[in-house]
Amino acid sequence: MNQKAVVELRHVTKTVNRRNLVEDLNFQINAGEVFGFLGPNGAGKTTTIRMMVGLIGISQGDILINGCSISTDFNKAIQNVGAIVENPDLYKYMTGYQNLKHYARMVPGIGKKQINETAKMLGIGSWLKDPVRTYSLGMRQRLGLVQALLHRPSLLILDEPTNGLDPEGIHELRNELKYLAHERGVAVLVSSHLLSEMQMMCDKVGVIQHGKLITVQSIDDFVRDGGFSVSIVVDPSQTKMACRLISEMGKQIISADQSGKILAALDHSDIPEANRKLMESGIRVYSVQTQQETLEDRFLEVMEENQ
């Protein structure tokens, strides 16, 4: 993967009425990666995105896009950016093609060929002659994505792009964003509350809380840091005895239920020993499975740790 930094945030702070909405943010997004921007409501995600596209000013620090400063060289910096904040704004009485042509007039060098190529890349070429009012929400999202990509930006910013999409639409959007990043080399920043989707979509995540950046890690490292547990299913009548044996190993029992399912905080290397002890004690073991924490589990842990 190309590790060229497309966007860099350097000590970015936004202050309103003497209150820091975001404070001293430092991170970068590289070409060819999908970056998930995570945080609870009010954490500063949208404020950061608005500074990145020039909708609000930066109080301190700077944002560089392909080496150009948003603060001092805005026109050159912003020409490398495509963005959709929540739902794209489209003229519903126009056709899809007319919407794209209208946008293309504002950006030099975009002709009919580039419109058709970009629409074909995202699979909406056959819809362009239809009025946008006949489009489903997923079709409008895809048309907005084509519009954001018409000028071939090196940075694509999407704030809650899955709002209102059905599971099929979310699946298609995820594949399109991964294609744009991994095959076309676009740096993609996505902010969303659908953490299960973010886990499947993103290469890296940045977590923000109370306006401060908590961590930036690869998605695999971030989830792996939460560790994993082991699910052991035994004969229901032997659950208490199994829990006692595992506890005697110095391991925590996270939960146990009447069906015989035990969730224990075992390390990977503990599994053979635990299984041996249970079997030698005459406990009938039906299954042993490791359970890696999800992005949602890990995110909630980090939020609680940083309250």
Protein backbone atom coordinates (compact mmCIF):
# COMPACT_ATOMS: atom_id res chain seq x y z
CA MET A 1 0.00 0.00 0.00
CA ASN A 2 1.25 3.45 -0.89
CA GLN A 3 2.21 5.27 2.30
CA LYS A 4 2.23 8.78 0.86
CA ALA A 5 0.42 11.13 3.27
CA VAL A 6 -2.48 12.78 1.45
CA VAL A 7 -3.81 14.75 4.42
CA GLU A 8 -2.00 15.82 7.59
CA LEU A 9 -3.52 17.46 10.64
CA ARG A 10 -0.88 19.34 12.62
CA HIS A 11 -1.81 20.52 16.12
CA VAL A 12 -5.32 21.47 14.95
CA THR A 13 -7.49 23.27 17.49
CA LYS A 14 -10.91 24.87 17.10
CA THR A 15 -11.99 27.29 19.83
CA VAL A 16 -15.47 28.82 20.12
CA ASN A 17 -16.35 31.14 23.02
CA ARG A 18 -13.12 30.16 24.81
CA ARG A 19 -14.08 26.47 24.61
CA ASN A 20 -12.01 24.00 22.60
CA LEU A 21 -14.30 21.94 20.38
CA VAL A 22 -11.24 20.04 19.18
CA GLU A 23 -7.79 20.30 20.71
CA ASP A 24 -4.32 19.61 19.30
CA LEU A 25 -5.30 16.98 16.74
CA ASN A 26 -2.37 15.27 15.01
CA PHE A 27 -2.86 12.47 12.48
CA GLN A 28 -2.45 11.70 8.80
CA ILE A 29 -4.31 9.68 6.18
CA ASN A 30 -2.28 7.93 3.51
CA ALA A 31 -3.04 7.24 -0.12
CA GLY A 32 -4.79 3.92 -0.61
CA GLU A 33 -6.32 3.54 2.86
CA VAL A 34 -9.79 3.85 4.35
CA PHE A 35 -9.56 5.79 7.62
CA GLY A 36 -12.42 5.44 10.10
CA PHE A 37 -13.03 8.51 12.26
CA LEU A 38 -14.78 7.30 15.42
CA GLY A 39 -16.25 9.06 18.42
CA PRO A 40 -19.52 9.64 20.28
CA ASN A 41 -21.88 12.48 19.39
CA GLY A 42 -20.32 15.83 20.22
CA ALA A 43 -16.77 14.45 20.24
CA GLY A 44 -15.61 16.82 17.48
CA LYS A 45 -15.77 14.63 14.35
CA THR A 46 -17.97 16.94 12.26
CA THR A 47 -16.09 20.02 13.48
CA THR A 48 -12.86 18.42 12.26
CA ILE A 49 -14.38 17.49 8.91
CA ARG A 50 -15.72 21.03 8.44
CA MET A 51 -12.26 22.42 9.02
CA MET A 52 -10.82 19.94 6.52
CA VAL A 53 -13.12 21.18 3.76
CA GLY A 54 -12.89 24.86 4.70
CA LEU A 55 -16.45 25.34 5.99
CA ILE A 56 -15.11 26.72 9.27
CA GLY A 57 -11.74 28.23 10.13
CA ILE A 58 -8.93 26.70 12.16
CA SER A 59 -8.13 28.46 15.44
CA GLN A 60 -4.63 26.97 15.77
CA GLY A 61 -2.51 24.56 13.76
CA ASP A 62 -2.90 23.63 10.13
CA ILE A 63 -4.30 21.02 7.76
CA LEU A 64 -2.23 20.05 4.72
CA ILE A 65 -3.75 18.28 1.73
CA ASN A 66 -1.11 17.02 -0.71
CA GLY A 67 1.25 19.43 1.01
CA CYS A 68 -1.01 22.49 0.48
CA SER A 69 -2.32 24.39 3.49
CA ILE A 70 -6.08 24.77 3.91
CA SER A 71 -5.38 28.04 5.76
CA THR A 72 -2.95 29.75 3.38
CA ASP A 73 -3.48 28.01 0.02
CA PHE A 74 -7.13 27.01 0.18
CA ASN A 75 -7.93 26.81 -3.55
CA LYS A 76 -5.00 24.54 -4.30
CA ALA A 77 -5.66 22.35 -1.26
CA ILE A 78 -9.41 21.95 -1.78
CA GLN A 79 -9.11 20.94 -5.42
CA ASN A 80 -7.79 17.60 -4.15
CA VAL A 81 -10.89 16.95 -1.99
CA GLY A 82 -14.24 15.32 -2.71
CA ALA A 83 -16.82 15.21 0.08
CA ILE A 84 -20.33 14.15 1.04
CA VAL A 85 -21.66 15.25 4.41
CA GLU A 86 -24.59 12.96 5.27
CA ASN A 87 -26.86 13.00 2.16
CA PRO A 88 -25.72 14.57 -1.13
CA ASP A 89 -27.54 17.72 -2.29
CA LEU A 90 -29.02 17.01 -5.72
CA TYR A 91 -31.60 18.66 -7.99
CA LYS A 92 -34.39 16.11 -7.98
CA TYR A 93 -36.17 17.50 -11.06
CA MET A 94 -33.00 16.99 -13.14
CA THR A 95 -31.69 13.71 -14.46
CA GLY A 96 -28.63 12.18 -12.94
CA TYR A 97 -26.55 13.23 -15.94
CA GLN A 98 -27.82 16.82 -15.74
CA ASN A 99 -26.82 16.98 -12.08
CA LEU A 100 -23.32 15.78 -12.89
CA LYS A 101 -23.02 18.13 -15.88
CA HIS A 102 -24.13 21.08 -13.73
CA TYR A 103 -21.45 20.25 -11.17
CA ALA A 104 -18.85 19.71 -13.90
CA ARG A 105 -19.35 23.29 -15.13
CA MET A 106 -17.92 24.52 -11.83
CA VAL A 107 -14.70 22.53 -12.20
CA PRO A 108 -12.46 23.13 -15.24
CA GLY A 109 -11.49 20.14 -17.36
CA ILE A 110 -14.42 17.79 -16.69
CA GLY A 111 -16.09 16.68 -19.91
CA LYS A 112 -18.71 14.17 -21.01
CA LYS A 113 -16.12 11.37 -21.21
CA GLN A 114 -15.03 11.79 -17.59
CA ILE A 115 -18.66 11.93 -16.40
CA ASN A 116 -19.50 8.68 -18.19
CA GLU A 117 -16.30 6.93 -17.06
CA THR A 118 -16.85 7.83 -13.39
CA ALA A 119 -20.52 6.84 -13.53
CA LYS A 120 -19.61 3.53 -15.17
CA MET A 121 -16.92 2.87 -12.53
CA LEU A 122 -19.57 3.10 -9.80
CA GLY A 123 -22.19 1.20 -11.80
CA ILE A 124 -24.80 3.90 -12.35
CA GLY A 125 -24.35 4.57 -16.08
CA SER A 126 -27.76 3.09 -16.91
CA TRP A 127 -29.55 5.45 -14.46
CA LEU A 128 -28.18 8.77 -15.69
CA LYS A 129 -31.09 9.52 -18.03
CA ASP A 130 -33.67 9.11 -15.25
CA PRO A 131 -34.87 12.02 -13.05
CA VAL A 132 -33.27 11.97 -9.60
CA ARG A 133 -36.73 12.08 -7.99
CA THR A 134 -37.16 8.46 -9.15
CA TYR A 135 -33.91 7.33 -7.46
CA SER A 136 -33.84 5.31 -4.28
CA LEU A 137 -31.76 6.66 -1.39
CA GLY A 138 -28.98 4.24 -2.26
CA MET A 139 -28.98 5.43 -5.89
CA ARG A 140 -28.79 9.07 -4.76
CA GLN A 141 -25.89 8.24 -2.45
CA ARG A 142 -24.07 6.61 -5.34
CA LEU A 143 -24.77 9.56 -7.64
CA GLY A 144 -23.41 11.86 -4.93
CA LEU A 145 -20.31 9.69 -4.75
CA VAL A 146 -19.84 10.02 -8.52
CA GLN A 147 -20.21 13.79 -8.17
CA ALA A 148 -17.60 13.89 -5.40
CA LEU A 149 -15.18 11.88 -7.55
CA LEU A 150 -15.66 13.68 -10.88
CA HIS A 151 -12.58 15.87 -10.47
CA ARG A 152 -10.52 12.83 -9.42
CA PRO A 153 -9.68 13.96 -5.87
CA SER A 154 -6.92 12.32 -3.90
CA LEU A 155 -8.98 12.66 -0.66
CA LEU A 156 -12.60 11.57 -0.27
CA ILE A 157 -14.43 12.61 2.93
CA LEU A 158 -17.74 10.99 3.88
CA ASP A 159 -19.66 11.96 7.02
CA GLU A 160 -22.26 9.30 7.91
CA PRO A 161 -22.52 8.00 4.32
CA THR A 162 -24.65 4.99 5.31
CA ASN A 163 -27.55 7.06 6.70
CA GLY A 164 -30.81 5.59 5.46
CA LEU A 165 -29.21 2.86 3.33
CA ASP A 166 -30.55 -0.69 3.38
CA PRO A 167 -28.14 -3.61 4.02
CA GLU A 168 -27.58 -4.13 0.29
CA GLY A 169 -26.78 -0.44 -0.22
CA ILE A 170 -24.36 -0.44 2.74
CA HIS A 171 -22.63 -3.54 1.37
CA GLU A 172 -22.24 -1.93 -2.07
CA LEU A 173 -20.94 1.33 -0.59
CA ARG A 174 -18.38 -0.57 1.49
CA ASN A 175 -17.07 -2.40 -1.58
CA GLU A 176 -16.93 0.81 -3.62
CA LEU A 177 -14.92 2.66 -0.98
CA LYS A 178 -12.48 -0.23 -0.58
CA TYR A 179 -12.08 -0.34 -4.37
CA LEU A 180 -11.43 3.41 -4.58
CA ALA A 181 -8.80 3.21 -1.84
CA HIS A 182 -7.05 -0.05 -2.63
CA GLU A 183 -7.28 0.00 -6.44
CA ARG A 184 -7.39 3.72 -7.25
CA GLY A 185 -5.14 4.96 -4.45
CA VAL A 186 -7.67 7.44 -3.04
CA ALA A 187 -7.36 8.35 0.66
CA VAL A 188 -10.83 7.89 2.19
CA LEU A 189 -12.01 9.33 5.51
CA VAL A 190 -15.29 7.88 6.78
CA SER A 191 -17.18 8.95 9.90
CA SER A 192 -19.98 6.61 10.96
CA HIS A 193 -21.71 5.14 13.99
CA LEU A 194 -22.16 1.74 12.30
CA LEU A 195 -19.13 0.16 13.92
CA SER A 196 -19.70 -3.32 12.47
CA GLU A 197 -19.48 -1.79 8.99
CA MET A 198 -16.45 0.29 9.93
CA GLN A 199 -14.67 -2.87 11.05
CA MET A 200 -15.20 -4.47 7.63
CA MET A 201 -14.45 -1.28 5.69
CA CYS A 202 -11.51 0.48 7.33
CA ASP A 203 -7.76 -0.08 7.28
CA LYS A 204 -7.08 2.35 10.14
CA VAL A 205 -9.12 4.11 12.82
CA GLY A 206 -8.74 7.32 14.77
CA VAL A 207 -10.77 7.69 17.98
CA ILE A 208 -11.73 11.13 19.30
CA GLN A 209 -13.47 11.97 22.60
CA HIS A 210 -14.18 15.36 24.14
CA GLY A 211 -12.32 16.96 21.22
CA LYS A 212 -9.06 15.09 21.91
CA LEU A 213 -7.53 12.33 19.84
CA ILE A 214 -7.23 9.16 21.92
CA THR A 215 -5.54 6.83 19.46
CA VAL A 216 -4.75 6.18 15.80
CA GLN A 217 -4.12 2.51 14.96
CA SER A 218 -4.62 -0.03 12.25
CA ILE A 219 -8.05 -1.62 12.61
CA ASP A 220 -6.50 -5.02 13.35
CA ASP A 221 -4.19 -3.68 16.08
CA PHE A 222 -6.98 -1.64 17.67
CA VAL A 223 -9.31 -4.62 17.93
CA ARG A 224 -6.52 -7.01 18.93
CA ASP A 225 -5.56 -4.76 21.85
CA GLY A 226 -8.88 -5.68 23.42
CA GLY A 227 -7.83 -9.33 23.64
CA PHE A 228 -10.22 -12.23 23.27
CA SER A 229 -12.20 -14.61 25.38
CA VAL A 230 -12.88 -18.34 25.09
CA SER A 231 -16.35 -19.85 24.90
CA ILE A 232 -16.56 -23.37 26.35
CA VAL A 233 -19.78 -25.37 26.14
CA VAL A 234 -20.10 -28.22 28.65
CA ASP A 235 -22.88 -30.46 29.91
CA PRO A 236 -25.30 -28.06 31.67
CA SER A 237 -25.32 -30.20 34.83
CA GLN A 238 -21.52 -29.77 35.11
CA THR A 239 -21.34 -25.99 34.59
CA LYS A 240 -20.53 -25.09 38.21
CA MET A 241 -17.79 -27.69 38.46
CA ALA A 242 -16.24 -26.51 35.16
CA CYS A 243 -16.27 -22.89 36.35
CA ARG A 244 -14.55 -23.93 39.60
CA LEU A 245 -11.79 -25.76 37.72
CA ILE A 246 -11.15 -22.82 35.40
CA SER A 247 -11.12 -20.41 38.36
CA GLU A 248 -8.55 -22.64 40.11
CA MET A 249 -6.25 -21.96 37.13
CA GLY A 250 -6.37 -18.30 38.16
CA LYS A 251 -8.58 -17.37 35.21
CA GLN A 252 -11.65 -15.13 35.28
CA ILE A 253 -15.10 -16.48 34.47
CA ILE A 254 -16.80 -13.70 32.50
CA SER A 255 -20.19 -15.39 32.33
CA ALA A 256 -21.90 -18.76 32.60
CA ASP A 257 -25.48 -19.73 31.83
CA GLN A 258 -27.86 -22.62 32.33
CA SER A 259 -27.20 -23.99 28.83
CA GLY A 260 -23.64 -24.87 29.85
CA LYS A 261 -21.95 -22.05 27.94
CA ILE A 262 -19.03 -20.55 29.83
CA LEU A 263 -17.16 -17.44 28.73
CA ALA A 264 -13.69 -17.28 30.27
CA ALA A 265 -10.79 -14.83 30.04
CA LEU A 266 -8.23 -17.38 28.88
CA ASP A 267 -5.09 -16.72 26.90
CA HIS A 268 -4.60 -18.69 23.72
CA SER A 269 -1.92 -20.79 25.41
CA ASP A 270 -4.31 -21.65 28.29
CA ILE A 271 -6.80 -23.49 26.09
CA PRO A 272 -5.09 -26.94 25.94
CA GLU A 273 -4.50 -26.97 29.71
CA ALA A 274 -8.09 -25.93 30.51
CA ASN A 275 -9.48 -28.52 28.13
CA ARG A 276 -7.24 -31.24 29.66
CA LYS A 277 -8.34 -30.38 33.22
CA LEU A 278 -12.01 -30.48 32.27
CA MET A 279 -11.71 -33.78 30.41
CA GLU A 280 -9.69 -35.45 33.21
CA SER A 281 -12.37 -34.38 35.72
CA GLY A 282 -15.01 -36.18 33.69
CA ILE A 283 -16.64 -33.02 32.34
CA ARG A 284 -18.23 -33.47 28.93
CA VAL A 285 -16.91 -30.65 26.69
CA TYR A 286 -18.98 -30.06 23.56
CA SER A 287 -17.08 -27.14 22.03
CA VAL A 288 -14.23 -24.68 22.63
CA GLN A 289 -14.13 -21.48 20.58
CA THR A 290 -12.10 -18.29 20.78
CA GLN A 291 -14.03 -15.03 20.53
CA GLN A 292 -12.11 -11.96 19.35
CA GLU A 293 -13.52 -8.66 20.55
CA THR A 294 -15.34 -6.64 17.90
CA LEU A 295 -14.63 -3.02 17.00
CA GLU A 296 -17.77 -2.08 18.93
CA ASP A 297 -16.57 -3.90 22.06
CA ARG A 298 -13.15 -2.26 21.88
CA PHE A 299 -14.58 1.19 21.12
CA LEU A 300 -16.86 1.07 24.17
CA GLU A 301 -13.95 -0.05 26.34
CA VAL A 302 -11.82 2.87 25.16
CA MET A 303 -14.67 5.33 25.73
CA GLU A 304 -15.12 4.06 29.30
CA GLU A 305 -11.38 4.15 30.01
CA ASN A 306 -11.19 7.80 28.91
CA GLN A 307 -14.29 9.15 30.66
